[in-house]
Protein backbone atom coordinates (compact mmCIF):
# COMPACT_ATOMS: atom_id res chain seq x y z
CA MET A 1 0.00 0.00 0.00
CA PRO A 2 1.60 3.34 -1.08
CA VAL A 3 2.28 5.97 1.57
CA LEU A 4 1.21 9.61 1.22
CA GLY A 5 4.43 10.64 -0.52
CA SER A 6 4.34 7.68 -2.89
CA PRO A 7 5.13 8.53 -6.53
CA LEU A 8 2.28 6.22 -7.61
CA HIS A 9 0.18 8.94 -9.25
CA LEU A 10 3.21 10.71 -10.69
CA ASP A 11 4.40 7.43 -12.20
CA MET A 12 0.98 6.94 -13.78
CA LEU A 13 1.03 10.50 -15.12
CA ARG A 14 4.47 10.03 -16.68
CA SER A 15 3.52 6.63 -18.06
CA SER A 16 0.42 8.16 -19.61
CA GLY A 17 2.53 10.68 -21.49
CA THR A 18 5.38 8.41 -22.57
CA ARG A 19 3.86 5.13 -23.71
CA SER A 20 5.52 4.37 -27.03
CA SER A 21 4.10 1.02 -28.12
CA TRP A 22 2.31 1.55 -31.42
CA VAL A 23 -0.25 -1.06 -30.38
CA VAL A 24 -1.07 0.84 -27.19
CA ARG A 25 -1.14 4.18 -28.99
CA LEU A 26 -3.40 2.81 -31.73
CA ALA A 27 -5.80 1.26 -29.23
CA ARG A 28 -6.00 4.49 -27.24
CA ALA A 29 -6.46 6.54 -30.41
CA VAL A 30 -9.36 4.37 -31.55
CA LYS A 31 -10.97 4.35 -28.10
CA TYR A 32 -10.85 8.10 -27.58
CA ALA A 33 -10.79 9.49 -31.11
CA PHE A 34 -14.23 11.04 -30.80
CA HIS A 35 -14.37 11.54 -27.06
CA SER A 36 -11.02 12.33 -25.46
CA GLN A 37 -10.03 15.89 -24.66
CA GLY A 38 -6.42 14.82 -24.05
CA VAL A 39 -7.10 14.76 -20.32
CA TYR A 40 -4.84 12.62 -18.13
CA GLY A 41 -6.98 10.01 -16.39
CA LEU A 42 -9.35 9.24 -19.23
CA GLU A 43 -7.38 6.06 -19.91
CA TRP A 44 -9.04 4.68 -16.76
CA GLY A 45 -12.47 5.46 -18.11
CA ASP A 46 -14.32 8.41 -19.58
CA PRO A 47 -17.59 9.30 -17.81
CA GLU A 48 -18.93 10.28 -21.22
CA ILE A 49 -18.51 6.69 -22.43
CA VAL A 50 -18.24 4.16 -19.59
CA GLU A 51 -21.68 3.41 -18.18
CA PRO A 52 -20.80 3.04 -14.46
CA LEU A 53 -18.84 6.30 -14.58
CA ARG A 54 -21.68 8.03 -16.42
CA PHE A 55 -23.98 6.89 -13.62
CA VAL A 56 -21.59 8.34 -11.01
CA ARG A 57 -21.51 11.62 -12.92
CA ASP A 58 -25.29 11.84 -13.26
CA ARG A 59 -26.12 10.83 -9.69
CA TYR A 60 -23.30 12.16 -7.54
CA VAL A 61 -21.87 15.12 -9.44
CA LEU A 62 -24.14 17.01 -11.83
CA PRO A 63 -27.16 17.35 -9.47
CA TYR A 64 -25.00 19.23 -6.97
CA VAL A 65 -23.34 21.74 -9.29
CA ASN A 66 -24.56 25.21 -8.36
CA PRO A 67 -23.07 28.57 -9.39
CA ALA A 68 -23.97 29.95 -5.95
CA HIS A 69 -21.97 27.27 -4.15
CA ALA A 70 -18.31 26.50 -3.44
CA ALA A 71 -16.81 23.06 -3.98
CA VAL A 72 -13.62 21.08 -3.38
CA GLU A 73 -12.22 18.28 -5.50
CA ILE A 74 -9.55 16.16 -3.81
CA GLY A 75 -7.03 14.49 -6.12
CA PRO A 76 -8.34 15.83 -9.45
CA GLY A 77 -5.66 14.24 -11.66
CA GLY A 78 -5.83 15.69 -15.15
CA GLY A 79 -9.45 16.80 -14.74
CA ARG A 80 -11.66 14.01 -16.04
CA TRP A 81 -14.15 14.89 -13.25
CA THR A 82 -13.11 18.53 -12.80
CA ARG A 83 -14.70 19.43 -16.14
CA TYR A 84 -18.12 18.67 -14.63
CA LEU A 85 -17.46 20.79 -11.54
CA LEU A 86 -16.55 24.04 -13.29
CA GLY A 87 -20.13 25.27 -12.92
CA PHE A 88 -19.59 25.95 -9.22
CA GLY A 89 -19.10 29.58 -8.27
CA LYS A 90 -15.78 28.64 -6.70
CA LEU A 91 -13.93 25.36 -7.15
CA TYR A 92 -10.80 24.32 -5.22
CA ALA A 93 -8.65 21.58 -6.75
CA VAL A 94 -6.61 20.08 -3.91
CA ASP A 95 -3.66 17.73 -4.33
CA TYR A 96 -0.50 16.72 -2.51
CA HIS A 97 1.50 16.66 -5.76
CA ALA A 98 2.27 20.02 -7.40
CA GLU A 99 3.07 18.22 -10.64
CA LEU A 100 -0.48 16.92 -10.89
CA LEU A 101 -1.90 20.38 -10.24
CA ARG A 102 0.27 21.70 -13.06
CA GLU A 103 -1.10 18.99 -15.32
CA LEU A 104 -4.64 20.01 -14.40
CA SER A 105 -3.89 23.68 -15.07
CA LYS A 106 -2.84 22.80 -18.63
CA ASN A 107 -6.39 21.67 -19.32
CA PHE A 108 -8.46 23.99 -17.14
CA HIS A 109 -7.78 27.49 -15.85
CA PRO A 110 -11.03 29.47 -15.53
CA PRO A 111 -11.07 32.27 -12.93
CA ASN A 112 -13.29 30.31 -10.53
CA LEU A 113 -10.82 27.38 -10.32
CA HIS A 114 -8.23 27.60 -7.53
CA PHE A 115 -5.29 25.22 -7.25
CA ILE A 116 -4.20 24.19 -3.76
CA LYS A 117 -1.19 22.05 -2.91
CA ASN A 118 -1.80 20.62 0.53
CA ASN A 119 0.48 18.94 3.05
CA GLY A 120 -1.29 15.64 2.79
CA THR A 121 -4.66 15.92 4.50
CA ASP A 122 -5.29 19.63 5.05
CA PHE A 123 -7.01 22.44 3.11
CA PRO A 124 -4.78 25.52 3.28
CA GLY A 125 -6.43 28.77 2.23
CA ILE A 126 -10.01 27.50 2.36
CA ALA A 127 -12.20 29.41 4.80
CA ALA A 128 -13.94 27.63 7.66
CA GLN A 129 -17.47 26.35 6.95
CA SER A 130 -17.39 27.73 3.40
CA ILE A 131 -17.75 24.59 1.28
CA ASP A 132 -21.05 23.19 0.00
CA TYR A 133 -19.80 20.14 -1.87
CA VAL A 134 -16.73 17.87 -1.81
CA PHE A 135 -15.92 15.23 -4.40
CA SER A 136 -13.09 12.75 -4.77
CA PHE A 137 -12.80 9.90 -7.25
CA GLY A 138 -9.72 7.73 -7.78
CA CYS A 139 -7.78 9.24 -4.88
CA PHE A 140 -9.07 7.70 -1.63
CA VAL A 141 -8.85 4.23 -3.17
CA HIS A 142 -5.09 4.56 -2.62
CA LEU A 143 -5.17 6.07 0.89
CA ASP A 144 -4.97 3.92 3.99
CA THR A 145 -7.63 4.35 6.63
CA ARG A 146 -5.41 6.45 8.93
CA LEU A 147 -5.01 9.09 6.22
CA ILE A 148 -8.73 9.00 5.45
CA GLU A 149 -9.44 9.63 9.13
CA GLU A 150 -7.12 12.66 9.06
CA TYR A 151 -8.71 13.98 5.87
CA LEU A 152 -12.20 13.78 7.33
CA GLN A 153 -11.11 15.61 10.47
CA SER A 154 -9.79 18.41 8.25
CA LEU A 155 -12.98 18.36 6.17
CA LYS A 156 -15.06 19.07 9.26
CA GLY A 157 -13.48 22.48 9.46
CA ILE A 158 -14.31 23.66 5.94
CA VAL A 159 -17.73 22.21 5.09
CA LYS A 160 -21.08 23.77 5.87
CA SER A 161 -23.69 21.94 7.92
CA ALA A 162 -25.78 21.22 4.82
CA SER A 163 -22.85 20.18 2.64
CA ASN A 164 -22.57 17.00 0.59
CA VAL A 165 -19.34 14.99 0.58
CA VAL A 166 -18.94 12.24 -2.03
CA ILE A 167 -15.97 9.90 -1.61
CA HIS A 168 -14.99 7.00 -3.85
CA TYR A 169 -12.92 4.47 -1.88
CA SER A 170 -11.30 1.04 -2.12
CA ASP A 171 -13.57 -1.91 -1.33
CA LYS A 172 -11.48 -4.97 -0.54
CA SER A 173 -14.61 -7.06 -0.14
CA LYS A 174 -14.60 -7.12 -3.96
CA VAL A 175 -12.28 -9.44 -5.89
CA MET A 176 -11.10 -6.76 -8.32
CA ALA A 177 -9.90 -4.61 -5.42
CA GLN A 178 -8.12 -7.58 -3.86
CA LEU A 179 -6.23 -8.07 -7.12
CA ASN A 180 -5.15 -4.41 -7.26
CA HIS A 181 -2.19 -4.05 -4.90
CA SER A 182 -2.26 -0.25 -5.10
CA PHE A 183 -5.71 -0.20 -3.53
CA SER A 184 -5.86 0.37 0.22
CA ASP A 185 -7.20 -2.09 2.75
CA ASN A 186 -10.65 -0.61 3.14
CA THR A 187 -14.22 -1.91 3.16
CA PRO A 188 -17.71 -0.38 3.48
CA GLN A 189 -17.80 -1.40 7.15
CA LYS A 190 -14.50 0.38 7.87
CA MET A 191 -15.51 3.43 5.84
CA ARG A 192 -18.82 3.76 7.68
CA GLN A 193 -17.01 3.69 11.00
CA ILE A 194 -14.49 6.32 9.88
CA VAL A 195 -17.24 8.66 8.65
CA LEU A 196 -19.38 8.30 11.77
CA LEU A 197 -16.48 8.65 14.21
CA ALA A 198 -15.47 11.85 12.42
CA GLY A 199 -18.87 13.28 13.31
CA PHE A 200 -20.55 13.08 9.92
CA ARG A 201 -23.94 11.62 9.01
CA ILE A 202 -24.14 9.06 6.22
CA VAL A 203 -26.78 9.92 3.63
CA GLU A 204 -26.18 7.36 0.90
CA GLU A 205 -23.97 4.39 0.03
CA ASP A 206 -23.34 2.83 -3.36
CA LEU A 207 -21.80 -0.63 -3.07
CA THR A 208 -22.69 -1.98 -6.51
CA THR A 209 -21.92 0.53 -9.30
CA MET A 210 -18.14 0.09 -9.28
CA TRP A 211 -16.50 -3.32 -9.60
CA HIS A 212 -13.48 -2.65 -7.36
CA SER A 213 -14.63 0.17 -5.09
CA SER A 214 -17.61 1.82 -3.45
CA ILE A 215 -19.01 5.33 -2.96
CA ILE A 216 -20.31 7.03 0.13
CA ARG A 217 -22.14 10.37 0.45
CA PHE A 218 -22.31 12.07 3.81
CA THR A 219 -22.93 15.43 5.46
CA ARG A 220 -22.24 17.22 8.74
């Protein structure tokens, strides 16, 4: 299981940009010829194309986008989900790796998007109780439960009482997660306990849409 400072995501970013096999390049070109915006992360699935990801977009993202609200995305990668969040009045993209934030800024740089490099589990520069919505997909699947606990403690300080937090996390009760050694040792039972002990209230759980992970939505 990678630690916080693991180069896992940076290695994936570099691999994404340097794959030279003509077979791989041809397959990717065919797959994304009519859909890809050249965004890092789409190689793991485009929400415009892949049905489970489209469901996640339509249920957990788009209904919450509001130009009068402020939002946070944790671990945005190249922006495959960020593009759906740009309708918020203010959007904070938070990541531990400055290199990934630079990658995101190549694709998106509207005035309402703010890039924040954190120290691992904090939210520097974000005002207390100012956030209406938090989203993270593809990030918490790699974080061990101790780091998730620390993140949720930090989240308590920035979200409003009526906020919605949507977290996609590793579910080792599923075979596909067990086969992925970069996925953390987490389960729905553990995640529920972490959320409740942090003082949040669980609103919704999705244990079936994703084949190697699950989704939880909670509020203060």
